[in-house]
Amino acid sequence: MADIAIFNDDAFTLSSLTAAINEQPFVPGRISELGIFGEEGITHTTIQIERDGDTLALVASSSRGSPAAVVTGSRRNLIPFNTVHLPQRAAILADEIQNLRAFGQETELEALQTVVNRRLAKMRLQLDATHEFHRIGAIKGKILDADGASVVVDLMDRFGIKQQVVAYGLDDPKTEIRNRNQDVLEAVEDALGSTPFSGVRVVCGRNFWRKLLVLPTVKETFLNTTMAAALRGDPRGSLELDALVFERYRGRVGGVGFIGDDEAYAVPEGVPDLFISRFAPGDYMEAVNTTGLPYYAKQEIMPFNKGVEIEAQSNPIHLCTRPKAVIRLKA
């Protein structure tokens, strides 16, 4: 019969539990799959983004010998961002392990580890969903909390800029999709300046995607070409139009889409450090001043040995360092 004292085994230390939760099968969202967020651990809980306010201006002509226009230096400033603390707890009560027996060739320790890993797996999945939600928020320019209303970080406000918006007019069958795509590419170019990019991926809400598929000018693009089969393929796939790759984004919680049904976001690809994920150390004595990991897990015996509490946490900040380069599209 299992005994709660078995939790004193080395298999349930901070390091072993953290290793276990980091090794859980990862079920990423689409943004995580794309790998556009560069991930790193940091040893503190705040990061700073350096913003260079350099702009170019035309030089006005003047008569020879007259005073020249003054060229000022770069207006650089540091914008701090705090990491977000995402903790969650689970309890394994004494009654749950009271009659725990070794199954097959398992020892009591192995069987108990299976129970713990099941809890860690569920906690990991919830943290993964939260990371995806925050990354979508970084793309949209506003990271929201779990309630979908409280603002964690408003990137537009912090950078002091306005989001660029392109209205696609997908309800008008005469809309020239090529012109709208050109507007998006030029808006990205203007925002990035001399920084090159390899392409643009557009993640679409469900209504935006459906309207795009049936737009006459989109159909005409594919008809009588080798790509005509795309019109008969899976409507949940992706379409490449004028160097833009459009795809339907699937991500909903409680019936609310991570991306609004009638909107889409154009994300430039191939730009170094455009999107970053940084992970701070967990708030445990053992983790102080160490390089942060994406996930932590730790256990503690409950009062009177009634059971064990397991805590899993992540301390991330997901950011777009040049939010003006992400263009919002309206159906």
Protein backbone atom coordinates (compact mmCIF):
# COMPACT_ATOMS: atom_id res chain seq x y z
CA MET A 1 0.00 0.00 0.00
CA ALA A 2 1.36 3.42 -0.92
CA ASP A 3 2.31 5.80 1.85
CA ILE A 4 2.29 9.57 1.55
CA ALA A 5 5.87 9.58 2.84
CA ILE A 6 6.87 8.29 -0.57
CA PHE A 7 6.69 11.92 -1.76
CA ASN A 8 9.96 12.49 0.10
CA ASP A 9 11.66 10.47 -2.63
CA ASP A 10 14.08 12.35 -4.92
CA ALA A 11 11.64 11.77 -7.78
CA PHE A 12 9.46 14.58 -6.40
CA THR A 13 12.01 17.39 -5.94
CA LEU A 14 11.74 20.76 -7.72
CA SER A 15 14.28 19.71 -10.33
CA SER A 16 12.68 16.34 -11.07
CA LEU A 17 9.11 17.66 -11.25
CA THR A 18 10.22 20.58 -13.42
CA ALA A 19 11.97 18.15 -15.73
CA ALA A 20 8.80 16.05 -15.87
CA ILE A 21 6.52 18.93 -16.84
CA ASN A 22 8.99 20.16 -19.46
CA GLU A 23 9.07 16.69 -20.98
CA GLN A 24 5.29 16.37 -21.31
CA PRO A 25 4.01 15.90 -24.88
CA PHE A 26 3.64 19.38 -26.31
CA VAL A 27 0.36 20.25 -28.06
CA PRO A 28 1.12 23.63 -29.61
CA GLY A 29 -1.17 26.13 -31.24
CA ARG A 30 -0.52 27.38 -34.74
CA ILE A 31 1.59 30.36 -33.68
CA SER A 32 3.84 28.08 -31.67
CA GLU A 33 4.13 25.76 -34.68
CA LEU A 34 5.27 28.61 -36.91
CA GLY A 35 8.21 29.21 -34.58
CA ILE A 36 8.18 32.97 -35.13
CA PHE A 37 8.75 33.70 -31.43
CA GLY A 38 12.39 33.36 -30.41
CA GLU A 39 12.51 31.77 -26.95
CA GLU A 40 15.11 32.43 -24.26
CA GLY A 41 15.35 32.24 -20.50
CA ILE A 42 16.35 35.30 -18.47
CA THR A 43 17.68 35.60 -14.93
CA HIS A 44 15.38 38.43 -13.85
CA THR A 45 11.70 39.34 -14.08
CA THR A 46 11.89 42.44 -16.31
CA ILE A 47 13.15 42.96 -19.83
CA GLN A 48 13.71 46.24 -21.68
CA ILE A 49 13.15 46.93 -25.36
CA GLU A 50 15.31 49.67 -26.85
CA ARG A 51 13.38 51.83 -29.26
CA ASP A 52 15.26 53.92 -31.82
CA GLY A 53 13.14 56.85 -32.92
CA ASP A 54 15.22 57.68 -36.01
CA THR A 55 13.24 59.02 -38.94
CA LEU A 56 14.32 60.35 -42.33
CA ALA A 57 13.40 63.77 -43.64
CA LEU A 58 13.93 65.57 -46.94
CA VAL A 59 16.51 68.37 -46.96
CA ALA A 60 15.13 71.73 -48.05
CA SER A 61 17.15 73.80 -50.50
CA SER A 62 18.53 77.19 -49.44
CA SER A 63 20.91 79.83 -50.73
CA ARG A 64 24.63 79.22 -50.42
CA GLY A 65 26.08 80.49 -47.15
CA SER A 66 22.80 80.32 -45.27
CA PRO A 67 22.52 78.28 -42.03
CA ALA A 68 22.18 74.55 -42.58
CA ALA A 69 19.38 72.46 -41.15
CA VAL A 70 20.23 70.89 -37.81
CA VAL A 71 20.36 67.09 -37.74
CA THR A 72 19.54 65.74 -34.30
CA GLY A 73 20.76 62.47 -32.86
CA SER A 74 18.76 59.32 -32.37
CA ARG A 75 15.91 59.53 -29.90
CA ARG A 76 16.46 56.22 -28.15
CA ASN A 77 14.55 55.12 -25.11
CA LEU A 78 14.14 51.93 -23.12
CA ILE A 79 10.67 50.47 -22.62
CA PRO A 80 10.47 48.00 -19.68
CA PHE A 81 8.13 45.01 -19.61
CA ASN A 82 7.46 42.78 -16.63
CA THR A 83 7.09 39.07 -17.07
CA VAL A 84 3.69 37.54 -16.26
CA HIS A 85 3.30 35.07 -13.39
CA LEU A 86 1.08 32.11 -14.37
CA PRO A 87 0.66 29.71 -11.42
CA GLN A 88 -1.78 26.85 -10.97
CA ARG A 89 -2.17 24.18 -8.31
CA ALA A 90 -3.49 20.66 -8.00
CA ALA A 91 -3.99 18.47 -4.93
CA ILE A 92 -3.41 14.74 -4.62
CA LEU A 93 -5.20 13.67 -1.44
CA ALA A 94 -4.22 10.78 0.79
CA ASP A 95 -7.42 8.94 -0.15
CA GLU A 96 -6.32 8.92 -3.80
CA ILE A 97 -3.22 6.90 -3.01
CA GLN A 98 -4.68 4.91 -0.10
CA ASN A 99 -5.27 1.79 -2.15
CA LEU A 100 -2.69 2.47 -4.83
CA ARG A 101 -1.12 -0.81 -5.86
CA ALA A 102 1.63 -1.60 -8.22
CA PHE A 103 0.16 -2.58 -11.60
CA GLY A 104 2.00 -5.17 -13.66
CA GLN A 105 5.70 -4.61 -13.13
CA GLU A 106 5.31 -1.13 -11.66
CA THR A 107 6.55 -0.32 -8.19
CA GLU A 108 4.51 1.89 -5.87
CA LEU A 109 6.82 4.77 -6.74
CA GLU A 110 6.27 4.27 -10.48
CA ALA A 111 2.50 4.05 -10.05
CA LEU A 112 2.44 7.20 -7.95
CA GLN A 113 4.61 8.96 -10.52
CA THR A 114 1.97 8.11 -13.13
CA VAL A 115 -0.69 9.87 -11.04
CA VAL A 116 1.53 12.93 -10.65
CA ASN A 117 2.39 13.01 -14.37
CA ARG A 118 -1.29 12.98 -15.31
CA ARG A 119 -1.84 16.10 -13.21
CA LEU A 120 1.27 17.73 -14.64
CA ALA A 121 0.12 16.95 -18.19
CA LYS A 122 -3.21 18.73 -17.63
CA MET A 123 -1.48 21.73 -16.06
CA ARG A 124 1.00 21.83 -18.94
CA LEU A 125 -1.78 21.86 -21.54
CA GLN A 126 -3.47 24.80 -19.80
CA LEU A 127 -0.19 26.70 -19.68
CA ASP A 128 0.40 25.95 -23.37
CA ALA A 129 -3.02 27.35 -24.24
CA THR A 130 -2.21 30.47 -22.23
CA HIS A 131 1.12 30.93 -24.00
CA GLU A 132 -0.67 30.70 -27.35
CA PHE A 133 -3.27 33.23 -26.20
CA HIS A 134 -0.56 35.67 -25.10
CA ARG A 135 1.37 35.21 -28.36
CA ILE A 136 -1.76 35.98 -30.34
CA GLY A 137 -2.15 39.05 -28.13
CA ALA A 138 1.40 40.14 -28.97
CA ILE A 139 0.55 39.84 -32.66
CA LYS A 140 -2.68 41.80 -32.20
CA GLY A 141 -0.92 44.47 -30.13
CA LYS A 142 -2.82 43.87 -26.91
CA ILE A 143 -2.19 40.94 -24.55
CA LEU A 144 -5.28 40.09 -22.53
CA ASP A 145 -5.70 38.09 -19.33
CA ALA A 146 -7.67 34.86 -19.05
CA ASP A 147 -10.98 36.73 -18.72
CA GLY A 148 -10.53 38.11 -22.22
CA ALA A 149 -11.04 41.68 -20.99
CA SER A 150 -8.30 42.67 -18.53
CA VAL A 151 -5.28 44.07 -20.37
CA VAL A 152 -1.90 42.61 -19.43
CA VAL A 153 0.15 44.66 -21.92
CA ASP A 154 -1.05 47.22 -24.48
CA LEU A 155 1.85 47.33 -26.92
CA MET A 156 0.43 50.18 -28.97
CA ASP A 157 0.13 52.32 -25.87
CA ARG A 158 3.58 51.39 -24.56
CA PHE A 159 5.26 52.17 -27.88
CA GLY A 160 3.13 55.27 -28.43
CA ILE A 161 1.93 54.26 -31.89
CA LYS A 162 -1.32 53.54 -33.73
CA GLN A 163 -2.05 50.22 -35.34
CA GLN A 164 -2.09 50.14 -39.13
CA VAL A 165 -5.39 48.89 -40.53
CA VAL A 166 -6.28 47.85 -44.08
CA ALA A 167 -9.95 47.42 -44.96
CA TYR A 168 -10.30 44.57 -47.48
CA GLY A 169 -13.95 45.11 -48.39
CA LEU A 170 -14.62 41.40 -48.82
CA ASP A 171 -18.38 41.96 -48.92
CA ASP A 172 -17.95 43.74 -52.27
CA PRO A 173 -17.59 41.17 -55.09
CA LYS A 174 -15.73 43.76 -57.19
CA THR A 175 -12.94 44.21 -54.66
CA GLU A 176 -9.56 43.87 -56.35
CA ILE A 177 -7.68 41.59 -53.98
CA ARG A 178 -4.34 42.44 -55.57
CA ASN A 179 -4.67 46.11 -54.65
CA ARG A 180 -5.49 45.27 -51.04
CA ASN A 181 -2.52 42.91 -50.84
CA GLN A 182 -0.29 45.65 -52.23
CA ASP A 183 -1.57 48.00 -49.52
CA VAL A 184 -0.54 45.45 -46.88
CA LEU A 185 2.94 44.91 -48.35
CA GLU A 186 3.57 48.64 -48.56
CA ALA A 187 2.38 49.16 -44.99
CA VAL A 188 4.81 46.47 -43.80
CA GLU A 189 7.63 48.04 -45.83
CA ASP A 190 6.94 51.48 -44.36
CA ALA A 191 6.94 50.09 -40.81
CA LEU A 192 10.16 48.08 -41.19
CA GLY A 193 12.10 50.69 -43.14
CA SER A 194 15.41 49.24 -44.30
CA THR A 195 14.87 45.93 -42.48
CA PRO A 196 14.20 43.16 -45.01
CA PHE A 197 11.52 40.51 -44.63
CA SER A 198 11.07 37.21 -46.44
CA GLY A 199 7.29 37.20 -46.73
CA VAL A 200 4.00 37.89 -44.99
CA ARG A 201 1.70 35.36 -43.35
CA VAL A 202 -1.90 36.36 -42.71
CA VAL A 203 -3.77 34.56 -39.92
CA CYS A 204 -7.49 34.92 -40.50
CA GLY A 205 -10.63 34.77 -38.39
CA ARG A 206 -13.27 32.32 -39.63
CA ASN A 207 -15.57 34.84 -41.37
CA PHE A 208 -12.68 36.70 -42.99
CA TRP A 209 -11.38 33.39 -44.34
CA ARG A 210 -14.72 32.29 -45.76
CA LYS A 211 -15.32 35.60 -47.48
CA LEU A 212 -11.82 35.52 -48.95
CA LEU A 213 -12.35 32.04 -50.43
CA VAL A 214 -15.46 33.04 -52.39
CA LEU A 215 -14.28 36.47 -53.55
CA PRO A 216 -14.50 36.48 -57.37
CA THR A 217 -11.09 38.08 -57.86
CA VAL A 218 -9.52 35.34 -55.72
CA LYS A 219 -11.16 32.61 -57.78
CA GLU A 220 -10.02 34.28 -61.00
CA THR A 221 -6.44 34.21 -59.73
CA PHE A 222 -6.46 30.42 -59.61
CA LEU A 223 -8.71 29.52 -62.54
CA ASN A 224 -6.97 28.22 -65.66
CA THR A 225 -3.68 27.79 -63.78
CA THR A 226 -1.87 24.83 -62.28
CA MET A 227 -3.09 26.05 -58.90
CA ALA A 228 -6.78 25.66 -59.77
CA ALA A 229 -6.88 22.47 -57.69
CA ALA A 230 -6.55 24.65 -54.59
CA LEU A 231 -10.13 25.79 -55.14
CA ARG A 232 -11.31 22.18 -54.84
CA GLY A 233 -9.05 21.21 -51.94
CA ASP A 234 -9.61 21.37 -48.21
CA PRO A 235 -11.13 24.82 -47.48
CA ARG A 236 -9.29 24.87 -44.16
CA GLY A 237 -5.89 25.01 -45.81
CA SER A 238 -3.94 28.05 -46.98
CA LEU A 239 -3.74 30.27 -50.05
CA GLU A 240 -0.79 32.22 -51.42
CA LEU A 241 -1.71 35.49 -53.08
CA ASP A 242 0.78 38.15 -54.14
CA ALA A 243 3.51 37.03 -51.71
CA LEU A 244 0.98 36.83 -48.86
CA VAL A 245 0.12 33.43 -47.39
CA PHE A 246 -3.43 33.44 -46.01
CA GLU A 247 -4.52 30.75 -43.59
CA ARG A 248 -7.45 30.15 -41.28
CA TYR A 249 -6.49 30.43 -37.62
CA ARG A 250 -8.11 27.86 -35.37
CA GLY A 251 -8.18 28.84 -31.74
CA ARG A 252 -11.24 29.35 -29.58
CA VAL A 253 -11.99 29.21 -25.87
CA GLY A 254 -15.54 29.38 -24.58
CA GLY A 255 -16.84 30.16 -28.06
CA VAL A 256 -14.65 33.26 -28.40
CA GLY A 257 -11.99 33.22 -31.11
CA PHE A 258 -8.42 34.19 -30.30
CA ILE A 259 -8.72 36.23 -33.50
CA GLY A 260 -11.95 38.09 -34.25
CA ASP A 261 -14.15 36.37 -36.83
CA ASP A 262 -14.13 39.34 -39.22
CA GLU A 263 -10.48 40.28 -38.96
CA ALA A 264 -7.02 39.00 -39.82
CA TYR A 265 -3.44 39.96 -39.01
CA ALA A 266 -0.59 40.20 -41.51
CA VAL A 267 2.66 39.09 -39.89
CA PRO A 268 6.01 39.75 -41.63
CA GLU A 269 8.33 36.74 -41.59
CA GLY A 270 12.10 36.53 -41.58
CA VAL A 271 12.63 39.63 -39.40
CA PRO A 272 15.15 38.96 -36.61
CA ASP A 273 13.78 39.40 -33.08
CA LEU A 274 10.46 40.74 -34.31
CA PHE A 275 8.69 38.39 -31.90
CA ILE A 276 10.29 37.26 -28.67
CA SER A 277 9.37 35.03 -25.74
CA ARG A 278 11.32 35.42 -22.53
CA PHE A 279 10.94 33.23 -19.46
CA ALA A 280 11.83 34.43 -15.96
CA PRO A 281 12.86 32.14 -13.08
CA GLY A 282 10.16 30.64 -10.90
CA ASP A 283 9.50 32.28 -7.53
CA TYR A 284 11.24 29.50 -5.59
CA MET A 285 14.40 29.88 -3.54
CA GLU A 286 16.10 27.21 -5.65
CA ALA A 287 15.42 29.19 -8.86
CA VAL A 288 16.55 32.66 -7.72
CA ASN A 289 18.98 34.27 -10.21
CA THR A 290 19.03 31.19 -12.42
CA THR A 291 18.16 31.22 -16.11
CA GLY A 292 14.40 30.92 -16.43
CA LEU A 293 12.72 27.82 -17.83
CA PRO A 294 9.40 27.72 -19.72
CA TYR A 295 7.76 25.62 -16.98
CA TYR A 296 8.32 24.83 -13.31
CA ALA A 297 6.66 22.32 -11.00
CA LYS A 298 7.02 21.70 -7.28
CA GLN A 299 5.20 19.75 -4.55
CA GLU A 300 4.51 20.36 -0.88
CA ILE A 301 2.97 18.15 1.81
CA MET A 302 -0.40 19.46 3.04
CA PRO A 303 -1.02 20.10 6.76
CA PHE A 304 -1.48 16.95 8.84
CA ASN A 305 -0.24 14.85 5.90
CA LYS A 306 -3.68 15.05 4.28
CA GLY A 307 -2.15 14.97 0.83
CA VAL A 308 0.23 16.77 -1.48
CA GLU A 309 -0.19 20.00 -3.40
CA ILE A 310 1.53 20.31 -6.76
CA GLU A 311 2.15 23.71 -8.26
CA ALA A 312 3.06 24.34 -11.88
CA GLN A 313 3.96 27.76 -13.14
CA SER A 314 5.39 29.71 -16.03
CA ASN A 315 6.70 33.27 -15.99
CA PRO A 316 6.72 34.50 -19.58
CA ILE A 317 6.52 37.69 -21.53
CA HIS A 318 5.63 37.41 -25.21
CA LEU A 319 6.27 40.57 -27.21
CA CYS A 320 6.30 42.05 -30.67
CA THR A 321 9.25 44.46 -30.71
CA ARG A 322 7.91 46.39 -33.73
CA PRO A 323 4.13 46.24 -33.39
CA LYS A 324 3.50 48.73 -36.19
CA ALA A 325 4.81 46.14 -38.66
CA VAL A 326 1.85 43.83 -37.94
CA ILE A 327 -1.11 44.97 -40.01
CA ARG A 328 -4.71 44.44 -38.96
CA LEU A 329 -7.04 43.51 -41.81
CA LYS A 330 -10.79 44.10 -41.68
CA ALA A 331 -13.18 42.04 -43.76
